Amino acid sequence: LVQAGGSLRLSCAASGRTFSMYAMGWFRQAPGKEREFVAAI
């Protein structure tokens, strides 16, 4: 929980030794809404 104007850092830890072989991305889904693309690397 954060106030408007604030910041957060999300982390995603992956298992295995093949992490570098995958593009990674973040998506989000709000209540009653479809999942949407946020960012990719």
ModelCIF file with pLDDT and N, C-alpha, C, O atoms, coordinates in Angstrom:
data_MODEL
#
_entry.id   MODEL 
#
_entity.id                         1 
_entity.type                       polymer 
_entity.pdbx_number_of_molecules   1 
#
_entity_poly.entity_id                      1 
_entity_poly.type                           'polypeptide(L)' 
_entity_poly.nstd_linkage                   no 
_entity_poly.nstd_monomer                   no 
_entity_poly.pdbx_seq_one_letter_code       LVQAGGSLRLSCAASGRTFSMYAMGWFRQAPGKEREFVAAI 
_entity_poly.pdbx_seq_one_letter_code_can   LVQAGGSLRLSCAASGRTFSMYAMGWFRQAPGKEREFVAAI 
_entity_poly.pdbx_strand_id                 A 
#
loop_
_entity_poly_seq.entity_id 
_entity_poly_seq.num 
_entity_poly_seq.mon_id 
_entity_poly_seq.hetero 
1 1  LEU n 
1 2  VAL n 
1 3  GLN n 
1 4  ALA n 
1 5  GLY n 
1 6  GLY n 
1 7  SER n 
1 8  LEU n 
1 9  ARG n 
1 10 LEU n 
1 11 SER n 
1 12 CYS n 
1 13 ALA n 
1 14 ALA n 
1 15 SER n 
1 16 GLY n 
1 17 ARG n 
1 18 THR n 
1 19 PHE n 
1 20 SER n 
1 21 MET n 
1 22 TYR n 
1 23 ALA n 
1 24 MET n 
1 25 GLY n 
1 26 TRP n 
1 27 PHE n 
1 28 ARG n 
1 29 GLN n 
1 30 ALA n 
1 31 PRO n 
1 32 GLY n 
1 33 LYS n 
1 34 GLU n 
1 35 ARG n 
1 36 GLU n 
1 37 PHE n 
1 38 VAL n 
1 39 ALA n 
1 40 ALA n 
1 41 ILE n 
#
_struct_asym.id          A 
_struct_asym.entity_id   1 
#
loop_
_ma_qa_metric.id 
_ma_qa_metric.mode 
_ma_qa_metric.name 
_ma_qa_metric.software_group_id 
_ma_qa_metric.type 
1 global pLDDT . pLDDT 
2 local  pLDDT . pLDDT 
#
_ma_qa_metric_global.metric_id      1 
_ma_qa_metric_global.metric_value   93.83 
_ma_qa_metric_global.model_id       1 
_ma_qa_metric_global.ordinal_id     1 
#
loop_
_ma_qa_metric_local.label_asym_id 
_ma_qa_metric_local.label_comp_id 
_ma_qa_metric_local.label_seq_id 
_ma_qa_metric_local.metric_id 
_ma_qa_metric_local.metric_value 
_ma_qa_metric_local.model_id 
_ma_qa_metric_local.ordinal_id 
A LEU 1  2 98.00 1 1  
A VAL 2  2 98.00 1 2  
A GLN 3  2 98.00 1 3  
A ALA 4  2 98.00 1 4  
A GLY 5  2 98.00 1 5  
A GLY 6  2 98.00 1 6  
A SER 7  2 98.00 1 7  
A LEU 8  2 98.00 1 8  
A ARG 9  2 98.00 1 9  
A LEU 10 2 98.00 1 10 
A SER 11 2 98.00 1 11 
A CYS 12 2 97.00 1 12 
A ALA 13 2 95.00 1 13 
A ALA 14 2 92.00 1 14 
A SER 15 2 90.00 1 15 
A GLY 16 2 75.00 1 16 
A ARG 17 2 69.00 1 17 
A THR 18 2 76.00 1 18 
A PHE 19 2 83.00 1 19 
A SER 20 2 84.00 1 20 
A MET 21 2 89.00 1 21 
A TYR 22 2 92.00 1 22 
A ALA 23 2 94.00 1 23 
A MET 24 2 95.00 1 24 
A GLY 25 2 97.00 1 25 
A TRP 26 2 98.00 1 26 
A PHE 27 2 98.00 1 27 
A ARG 28 2 98.00 1 28 
A GLN 29 2 98.00 1 29 
A ALA 30 2 97.00 1 30 
A PRO 31 2 92.00 1 31 
A GLY 32 2 94.00 1 32 
A LYS 33 2 96.00 1 33 
A GLU 34 2 96.00 1 34 
A ARG 35 2 96.00 1 35 
A GLU 36 2 96.00 1 36 
A PHE 37 2 96.00 1 37 
A VAL 38 2 97.00 1 38 
A ALA 39 2 97.00 1 39 
A ALA 40 2 96.00 1 40 
A ILE 41 2 96.00 1 41 
#
loop_
_atom_site.group_PDB 
_atom_site.id 
_atom_site.type_symbol 
_atom_site.label_atom_id 
_atom_site.label_alt_id 
_atom_site.label_comp_id 
_atom_site.label_asym_id 
_atom_site.label_entity_id 
_atom_site.label_seq_id 
_atom_site.pdbx_PDB_ins_code 
_atom_site.Cartn_x 
_atom_site.Cartn_y 
_atom_site.Cartn_z 
_atom_site.occupancy 
_atom_site.B_iso_or_equiv 
_atom_site.pdbx_formal_charge 
_atom_site.auth_seq_id 
_atom_site.auth_comp_id 
_atom_site.auth_asym_id 
_atom_site.auth_atom_id 
_atom_site.pdbx_PDB_model_num 
ATOM 1   N N  . LEU A 1 1  ? 0.844   -1.192  0.000   1.00 98.00 ? 1  LEU A N  1 
ATOM 2   C CA . LEU A 1 1  ? 0.000   0.000   0.000   1.00 98.00 ? 1  LEU A CA 1 
ATOM 3   C C  . LEU A 1 1  ? 0.878   1.240   0.000   1.00 98.00 ? 1  LEU A C  1 
ATOM 4   O O  . LEU A 1 1  ? 1.805   1.360   0.800   1.00 98.00 ? 1  LEU A O  1 
ATOM 5   N N  . VAL A 1 2  ? 0.576   2.153   -0.899  1.00 98.00 ? 2  VAL A N  1 
ATOM 6   C CA . VAL A 1 2  ? 1.351   3.379   -1.005  1.00 98.00 ? 2  VAL A CA 1 
ATOM 7   C C  . VAL A 1 2  ? 0.414   4.529   -1.352  1.00 98.00 ? 2  VAL A C  1 
ATOM 8   O O  . VAL A 1 2  ? -0.604  4.331   -2.015  1.00 98.00 ? 2  VAL A O  1 
ATOM 9   N N  . GLN A 1 3  ? 0.759   5.720   -0.905  1.00 98.00 ? 3  GLN A N  1 
ATOM 10  C CA . GLN A 1 3  ? -0.032  6.898   -1.243  1.00 98.00 ? 3  GLN A CA 1 
ATOM 11  C C  . GLN A 1 3  ? 0.257   7.359   -2.659  1.00 98.00 ? 3  GLN A C  1 
ATOM 12  O O  . GLN A 1 3  ? 1.338   7.121   -3.197  1.00 98.00 ? 3  GLN A O  1 
ATOM 13  N N  . ALA A 1 4  ? -0.719  8.018   -3.250  1.00 98.00 ? 4  ALA A N  1 
ATOM 14  C CA . ALA A 1 4  ? -0.526  8.575   -4.579  1.00 98.00 ? 4  ALA A CA 1 
ATOM 15  C C  . ALA A 1 4  ? 0.712   9.464   -4.601  1.00 98.00 ? 4  ALA A C  1 
ATOM 16  O O  . ALA A 1 4  ? 0.938   10.262  -3.692  1.00 98.00 ? 4  ALA A O  1 
ATOM 17  N N  . GLY A 1 5  ? 1.505   9.312   -5.651  1.00 98.00 ? 5  GLY A N  1 
ATOM 18  C CA . GLY A 1 5  ? 2.746   10.045  -5.773  1.00 98.00 ? 5  GLY A CA 1 
ATOM 19  C C  . GLY A 1 5  ? 3.951   9.311   -5.224  1.00 98.00 ? 5  GLY A C  1 
ATOM 20  O O  . GLY A 1 5  ? 5.087   9.733   -5.438  1.00 98.00 ? 5  GLY A O  1 
ATOM 21  N N  . GLY A 1 6  ? 3.716   8.220   -4.520  1.00 98.00 ? 6  GLY A N  1 
ATOM 22  C CA . GLY A 1 6  ? 4.791   7.446   -3.939  1.00 98.00 ? 6  GLY A CA 1 
ATOM 23  C C  . GLY A 1 6  ? 5.389   6.456   -4.907  1.00 98.00 ? 6  GLY A C  1 
ATOM 24  O O  . GLY A 1 6  ? 5.057   6.442   -6.092  1.00 98.00 ? 6  GLY A O  1 
ATOM 25  N N  . SER A 1 7  ? 6.283   5.618   -4.385  1.00 98.00 ? 7  SER A N  1 
ATOM 26  C CA . SER A 1 7  ? 7.015   4.669   -5.216  1.00 98.00 ? 7  SER A CA 1 
ATOM 27  C C  . SER A 1 7  ? 7.031   3.287   -4.595  1.00 98.00 ? 7  SER A C  1 
ATOM 28  O O  . SER A 1 7  ? 6.949   3.132   -3.377  1.00 98.00 ? 7  SER A O  1 
ATOM 29  N N  . LEU A 1 8  ? 7.139   2.293   -5.447  1.00 98.00 ? 8  LEU A N  1 
ATOM 30  C CA . LEU A 1 8  ? 7.332   0.914   -5.050  1.00 98.00 ? 8  LEU A CA 1 
ATOM 31  C C  . LEU A 1 8  ? 8.259   0.248   -6.055  1.00 98.00 ? 8  LEU A C  1 
ATOM 32  O O  . LEU A 1 8  ? 8.321   0.651   -7.217  1.00 98.00 ? 8  LEU A O  1 
ATOM 33  N N  . ARG A 1 9  ? 8.972   -0.762  -5.606  1.00 98.00 ? 9  ARG A N  1 
ATOM 34  C CA . ARG A 1 9  ? 9.766   -1.576  -6.509  1.00 98.00 ? 9  ARG A CA 1 
ATOM 35  C C  . ARG A 1 9  ? 9.342   -3.031  -6.372  1.00 98.00 ? 9  ARG A C  1 
ATOM 36  O O  . ARG A 1 9  ? 9.445   -3.626  -5.299  1.00 98.00 ? 9  ARG A O  1 
ATOM 37  N N  . LEU A 1 10 ? 8.867   -3.588  -7.469  1.00 98.00 ? 10 LEU A N  1 
ATOM 38  C CA . LEU A 1 10 ? 8.487   -4.982  -7.508  1.00 98.00 ? 10 LEU A CA 1 
ATOM 39  C C  . LEU A 1 10 ? 9.657   -5.832  -7.980  1.00 98.00 ? 10 LEU A C  1 
ATOM 40  O O  . LEU A 1 10 ? 10.466  -5.398  -8.801  1.00 98.00 ? 10 LEU A O  1 
ATOM 41  N N  . SER A 1 11 ? 9.737   -7.037  -7.453  1.00 98.00 ? 11 SER A N  1 
ATOM 42  C CA . SER A 1 11 ? 10.758  -7.977  -7.864  1.00 98.00 ? 11 SER A CA 1 
ATOM 43  C C  . SER A 1 11 ? 10.112  -9.267  -8.326  1.00 98.00 ? 11 SER A C  1 
ATOM 44  O O  . SER A 1 11 ? 9.051   -9.653  -7.835  1.00 98.00 ? 11 SER A O  1 
ATOM 45  N N  . CYS A 1 12 ? 10.748  -9.925  -9.261  1.00 97.00 ? 12 CYS A N  1 
ATOM 46  C CA . CYS A 1 12 ? 10.299  -11.214 -9.746  1.00 97.00 ? 12 CYS A CA 1 
ATOM 47  C C  . CYS A 1 12 ? 11.504  -12.127 -9.818  1.00 97.00 ? 12 CYS A C  1 
ATOM 48  O O  . CYS A 1 12 ? 12.401  -11.924 -10.636 1.00 97.00 ? 12 CYS A O  1 
ATOM 49  N N  . ALA A 1 13 ? 11.521  -13.129 -8.965  1.00 95.00 ? 13 ALA A N  1 
ATOM 50  C CA . ALA A 1 13 ? 12.623  -14.078 -8.915  1.00 95.00 ? 13 ALA A CA 1 
ATOM 51  C C  . ALA A 1 13 ? 12.264  -15.325 -9.703  1.00 95.00 ? 13 ALA A C  1 
ATOM 52  O O  . ALA A 1 13 ? 11.176  -15.879 -9.544  1.00 95.00 ? 13 ALA A O  1 
ATOM 53  N N  . ALA A 1 14 ? 13.177  -15.761 -10.546 1.00 92.00 ? 14 ALA A N  1 
ATOM 54  C CA . ALA A 1 14 ? 12.954  -16.918 -11.398 1.00 92.00 ? 14 ALA A CA 1 
ATOM 55  C C  . ALA A 1 14 ? 13.850  -18.068 -10.987 1.00 92.00 ? 14 ALA A C  1 
ATOM 56  O O  . ALA A 1 14 ? 14.994  -17.871 -10.577 1.00 92.00 ? 14 ALA A O  1 
ATOM 57  N N  . SER A 1 15 ? 13.321  -19.254 -11.101 1.00 90.00 ? 15 SER A N  1 
ATOM 58  C CA . SER A 1 15 ? 14.089  -20.455 -10.814 1.00 90.00 ? 15 SER A CA 1 
ATOM 59  C C  . SER A 1 15 ? 14.870  -20.884 -12.045 1.00 90.00 ? 15 SER A C  1 
ATOM 60  O O  . SER A 1 15 ? 14.627  -20.399 -13.150 1.00 90.00 ? 15 SER A O  1 
ATOM 61  N N  . GLY A 1 16 ? 15.806  -21.792 -11.845 1.00 75.00 ? 16 GLY A N  1 
ATOM 62  C CA . GLY A 1 16 ? 16.552  -22.358 -12.947 1.00 75.00 ? 16 GLY A CA 1 
ATOM 63  C C  . GLY A 1 16 ? 17.744  -21.527 -13.371 1.00 75.00 ? 16 GLY A C  1 
ATOM 64  O O  . GLY A 1 16 ? 18.005  -20.451 -12.834 1.00 75.00 ? 16 GLY A O  1 
ATOM 65  N N  . ARG A 1 17 ? 18.460  -22.055 -14.350 1.00 69.00 ? 17 ARG A N  1 
ATOM 66  C CA . ARG A 1 17 ? 19.665  -21.413 -14.853 1.00 69.00 ? 17 ARG A CA 1 
ATOM 67  C C  . ARG A 1 17 ? 19.498  -20.880 -16.270 1.00 69.00 ? 17 ARG A C  1 
ATOM 68  O O  . ARG A 1 17 ? 20.485  -20.518 -16.911 1.00 69.00 ? 17 ARG A O  1 
ATOM 69  N N  . THR A 1 18 ? 18.271  -20.827 -16.766 1.00 76.00 ? 18 THR A N  1 
ATOM 70  C CA . THR A 1 18 ? 18.007  -20.377 -18.120 1.00 76.00 ? 18 THR A CA 1 
ATOM 71  C C  . THR A 1 18 ? 17.300  -19.031 -18.170 1.00 76.00 ? 18 THR A C  1 
ATOM 72  O O  . THR A 1 18 ? 16.702  -18.688 -19.190 1.00 76.00 ? 18 THR A O  1 
ATOM 73  N N  . PHE A 1 19 ? 17.357  -18.266 -17.090 1.00 83.00 ? 19 PHE A N  1 
ATOM 74  C CA . PHE A 1 19 ? 16.679  -16.980 -17.007 1.00 83.00 ? 19 PHE A CA 1 
ATOM 75  C C  . PHE A 1 19 ? 17.069  -16.055 -18.153 1.00 83.00 ? 19 PHE A C  1 
ATOM 76  O O  . PHE A 1 19 ? 16.218  -15.356 -18.702 1.00 83.00 ? 19 PHE A O  1 
ATOM 77  N N  . SER A 1 20 ? 18.334  -16.046 -18.511 1.00 84.00 ? 20 SER A N  1 
ATOM 78  C CA . SER A 1 20 ? 18.815  -15.145 -19.542 1.00 84.00 ? 20 SER A CA 1 
ATOM 79  C C  . SER A 1 20 ? 18.288  -15.474 -20.929 1.00 84.00 ? 20 SER A C  1 
ATOM 80  O O  . SER A 1 20 ? 18.488  -14.692 -21.859 1.00 84.00 ? 20 SER A O  1 
ATOM 81  N N  . MET A 1 21 ? 17.627  -16.597 -21.090 1.00 89.00 ? 21 MET A N  1 
ATOM 82  C CA . MET A 1 21 ? 17.078  -16.994 -22.374 1.00 89.00 ? 21 MET A CA 1 
ATOM 83  C C  . MET A 1 21 ? 15.650  -16.499 -22.579 1.00 89.00 ? 21 MET A C  1 
ATOM 84  O O  . MET A 1 21 ? 15.039  -16.782 -23.609 1.00 89.00 ? 21 MET A O  1 
ATOM 85  N N  . TYR A 1 22 ? 15.120  -15.769 -21.615 1.00 92.00 ? 22 TYR A N  1 
ATOM 86  C CA . TYR A 1 22 ? 13.733  -15.331 -21.670 1.00 92.00 ? 22 TYR A CA 1 
ATOM 87  C C  . TYR A 1 22 ? 13.620  -13.818 -21.625 1.00 92.00 ? 22 TYR A C  1 
ATOM 88  O O  . TYR A 1 22 ? 14.280  -13.151 -20.829 1.00 92.00 ? 22 TYR A O  1 
ATOM 89  N N  . ALA A 1 23 ? 12.770  -13.290 -22.496 1.00 94.00 ? 23 ALA A N  1 
ATOM 90  C CA . ALA A 1 23 ? 12.289  -11.938 -22.291 1.00 94.00 ? 23 ALA A CA 1 
ATOM 91  C C  . ALA A 1 23 ? 11.351  -11.949 -21.088 1.00 94.00 ? 23 ALA A C  1 
ATOM 92  O O  . ALA A 1 23 ? 10.645  -12.929 -20.850 1.00 94.00 ? 23 ALA A O  1 
ATOM 93  N N  . MET A 1 24 ? 11.349  -10.859 -20.337 1.00 95.00 ? 24 MET A N  1 
ATOM 94  C CA . MET A 1 24 ? 10.540  -10.783 -19.131 1.00 95.00 ? 24 MET A CA 1 
ATOM 95  C C  . MET A 1 24 ? 9.589   -9.602  -19.220 1.00 95.00 ? 24 MET A C  1 
ATOM 96  O O  . MET A 1 24 ? 9.879   -8.597  -19.869 1.00 95.00 ? 24 MET A O  1 
ATOM 97  N N  . GLY A 1 25 ? 8.459   -9.739  -18.563 1.00 97.00 ? 25 GLY A N  1 
ATOM 98  C CA . GLY A 1 25 ? 7.493   -8.656  -18.598 1.00 97.00 ? 25 GLY A CA 1 
ATOM 99  C C  . GLY A 1 25 ? 6.647   -8.585  -17.350 1.00 97.00 ? 25 GLY A C  1 
ATOM 100 O O  . GLY A 1 25 ? 6.599   -9.511  -16.541 1.00 97.00 ? 25 GLY A O  1 
ATOM 101 N N  . TRP A 1 26 ? 5.979   -7.451  -17.222 1.00 98.00 ? 26 TRP A N  1 
ATOM 102 C CA . TRP A 1 26 ? 5.032   -7.227  -16.138 1.00 98.00 ? 26 TRP A CA 1 
ATOM 103 C C  . TRP A 1 26 ? 3.661   -6.909  -16.726 1.00 98.00 ? 26 TRP A C  1 
ATOM 104 O O  . TRP A 1 26 ? 3.538   -6.149  -17.687 1.00 98.00 ? 26 TRP A O  1 
ATOM 105 N N  . PHE A 1 27 ? 2.653   -7.497  -16.136 1.00 98.00 ? 27 PHE A N  1 
ATOM 106 C CA . PHE A 1 27 ? 1.269   -7.238  -16.476 1.00 98.00 ? 27 PHE A CA 1 
ATOM 107 C C  . PHE A 1 27 ? 0.520   -6.893  -15.199 1.00 98.00 ? 27 PHE A C  1 
ATOM 108 O O  . PHE A 1 27 ? 1.004   -7.145  -14.095 1.00 98.00 ? 27 PHE A O  1 
ATOM 109 N N  . ARG A 1 28 ? -0.656  -6.319  -15.356 1.00 98.00 ? 28 ARG A N  1 
ATOM 110 C CA . ARG A 1 28 ? -1.463  -6.024  -14.181 1.00 98.00 ? 28 ARG A CA 1 
ATOM 111 C C  . ARG A 1 28 ? -2.935  -6.243  -14.490 1.00 98.00 ? 28 ARG A C  1 
ATOM 112 O O  . ARG A 1 28 ? -3.373  -6.161  -15.637 1.00 98.00 ? 28 ARG A O  1 
ATOM 113 N N  . GLN A 1 29 ? -3.677  -6.523  -13.439 1.00 98.00 ? 29 GLN A N  1 
ATOM 114 C CA . GLN A 1 29 ? -5.106  -6.752  -13.580 1.00 98.00 ? 29 GLN A CA 1 
ATOM 115 C C  . GLN A 1 29 ? -5.826  -6.133  -12.393 1.00 98.00 ? 29 GLN A C  1 
ATOM 116 O O  . GLN A 1 29 ? -5.607  -6.525  -11.247 1.00 98.00 ? 29 GLN A O  1 
ATOM 117 N N  . ALA A 1 30 ? -6.678  -5.173  -12.674 1.00 97.00 ? 30 ALA A N  1 
ATOM 118 C CA . ALA A 1 30 ? -7.499  -4.539  -11.658 1.00 97.00 ? 30 ALA A CA 1 
ATOM 119 C C  . ALA A 1 30 ? -8.823  -5.284  -11.539 1.00 97.00 ? 30 ALA A C  1 
ATOM 120 O O  . ALA A 1 30 ? -9.230  -5.968  -12.478 1.00 97.00 ? 30 ALA A O  1 
ATOM 121 N N  . PRO A 1 31 ? -9.497  -5.164  -10.402 1.00 92.00 ? 31 PRO A N  1 
ATOM 122 C CA . PRO A 1 31 ? -10.775 -5.852  -10.234 1.00 92.00 ? 31 PRO A CA 1 
ATOM 123 C C  . PRO A 1 31 ? -11.761 -5.504  -11.341 1.00 92.00 ? 31 PRO A C  1 
ATOM 124 O O  . PRO A 1 31 ? -11.988 -4.330  -11.633 1.00 92.00 ? 31 PRO A O  1 
ATOM 125 N N  . GLY A 1 32 ? -12.343 -6.526  -11.951 1.00 94.00 ? 32 GLY A N  1 
ATOM 126 C CA . GLY A 1 32 ? -13.313 -6.324  -13.005 1.00 94.00 ? 32 GLY A CA 1 
ATOM 127 C C  . GLY A 1 32 ? -12.730 -5.927  -14.338 1.00 94.00 ? 32 GLY A C  1 
ATOM 128 O O  . GLY A 1 32 ? -13.475 -5.663  -15.281 1.00 94.00 ? 32 GLY A O  1 
ATOM 129 N N  . LYS A 1 33 ? -11.412 -5.878  -14.441 1.00 96.00 ? 33 LYS A N  1 
ATOM 130 C CA . LYS A 1 33 ? -10.756 -5.475  -15.679 1.00 96.00 ? 33 LYS A CA 1 
ATOM 131 C C  . LYS A 1 33 ? -9.939  -6.625  -16.259 1.00 96.00 ? 33 LYS A C  1 
ATOM 132 O O  . LYS A 1 33 ? -9.591  -7.574  -15.557 1.00 96.00 ? 33 LYS A O  1 
ATOM 133 N N  . GLU A 1 34 ? -9.641  -6.521  -17.549 1.00 96.00 ? 34 GLU A N  1 
ATOM 134 C CA . GLU A 1 34 ? -8.794  -7.503  -18.193 1.00 96.00 ? 34 GLU A CA 1 
ATOM 135 C C  . GLU A 1 34 ? -7.337  -7.250  -17.852 1.00 96.00 ? 34 GLU A C  1 
ATOM 136 O O  . GLU A 1 34 ? -6.942  -6.126  -17.542 1.00 96.00 ? 34 GLU A O  1 
ATOM 137 N N  . ARG A 1 35 ? -6.550  -8.303  -17.912 1.00 96.00 ? 35 ARG A N  1 
ATOM 138 C CA . ARG A 1 35 ? -5.128  -8.159  -17.690 1.00 96.00 ? 35 ARG A CA 1 
ATOM 139 C C  . ARG A 1 35 ? -4.511  -7.321  -18.798 1.00 96.00 ? 35 ARG A C  1 
ATOM 140 O O  . ARG A 1 35 ? -4.818  -7.518  -19.974 1.00 96.00 ? 35 ARG A O  1 
ATOM 141 N N  . GLU A 1 36 ? -3.645  -6.387  -18.430 1.00 96.00 ? 36 GLU A N  1 
ATOM 142 C CA . GLU A 1 36 ? -3.043  -5.507  -19.409 1.00 96.00 ? 36 GLU A CA 1 
ATOM 143 C C  . GLU A 1 36 ? -1.526  -5.491  -19.294 1.00 96.00 ? 36 GLU A C  1 
ATOM 144 O O  . GLU A 1 36 ? -0.961  -5.693  -18.219 1.00 96.00 ? 36 GLU A O  1 
ATOM 145 N N  . PHE A 1 37 ? -0.893  -5.249  -20.411 1.00 96.00 ? 37 PHE A N  1 
ATOM 146 C CA . PHE A 1 37 ? 0.552   -5.158  -20.484 1.00 96.00 ? 37 PHE A CA 1 
ATOM 147 C C  . PHE A 1 37 ? 1.052   -3.907  -19.779 1.00 96.00 ? 37 PHE A C  1 
ATOM 148 O O  . PHE A 1 37 ? 0.451   -2.839  -19.895 1.00 96.00 ? 37 PHE A O  1 
ATOM 149 N N  . VAL A 1 38 ? 2.154   -4.040  -19.048 1.00 97.00 ? 38 VAL A N  1 
ATOM 150 C CA . VAL A 1 38 ? 2.766   -2.917  -18.349 1.00 97.00 ? 38 VAL A CA 1 
ATOM 151 C C  . VAL A 1 38 ? 4.145   -2.599  -18.914 1.00 97.00 ? 38 VAL A C  1 
ATOM 152 O O  . VAL A 1 38 ? 4.410   -1.463  -19.309 1.00 97.00 ? 38 VAL A O  1 
ATOM 153 N N  . ALA A 1 39 ? 5.021   -3.596  -18.953 1.00 97.00 ? 39 ALA A N  1 
ATOM 154 C CA . ALA A 1 39 ? 6.394   -3.363  -19.400 1.00 97.00 ? 39 ALA A CA 1 
ATOM 155 C C  . ALA A 1 39 ? 7.041   -4.682  -19.774 1.00 97.00 ? 39 ALA A C  1 
ATOM 156 O O  . ALA A 1 39 ? 6.632   -5.741  -19.297 1.00 97.00 ? 39 ALA A O  1 
ATOM 157 N N  . ALA A 1 40 ? 8.058   -4.614  -20.633 1.00 96.00 ? 40 ALA A N  1 
ATOM 158 C CA . ALA A 1 40 ? 8.809   -5.799  -21.021 1.00 96.00 ? 40 ALA A CA 1 
ATOM 159 C C  . ALA A 1 40 ? 10.270  -5.439  -21.222 1.00 96.00 ? 40 ALA A C  1 
ATOM 160 O O  . ALA A 1 40 ? 10.609  -4.286  -21.490 1.00 96.00 ? 40 ALA A O  1 
ATOM 161 N N  . ILE A 1 41 ? 11.125  -6.437  -21.091 1.00 96.00 ? 41 ILE A N  1 
ATOM 162 C CA . ILE A 1 41 ? 12.562  -6.244  -21.264 1.00 96.00 ? 41 ILE A CA 1 
ATOM 163 C C  . ILE A 1 41 ? 13.129  -7.431  -22.017 1.00 96.00 ? 41 ILE A C  1 
ATOM 164 O O  . ILE A 1 41 ? 14.331  -7.481  -22.276 1.00 96.00 ? 41 ILE A O  1 
#
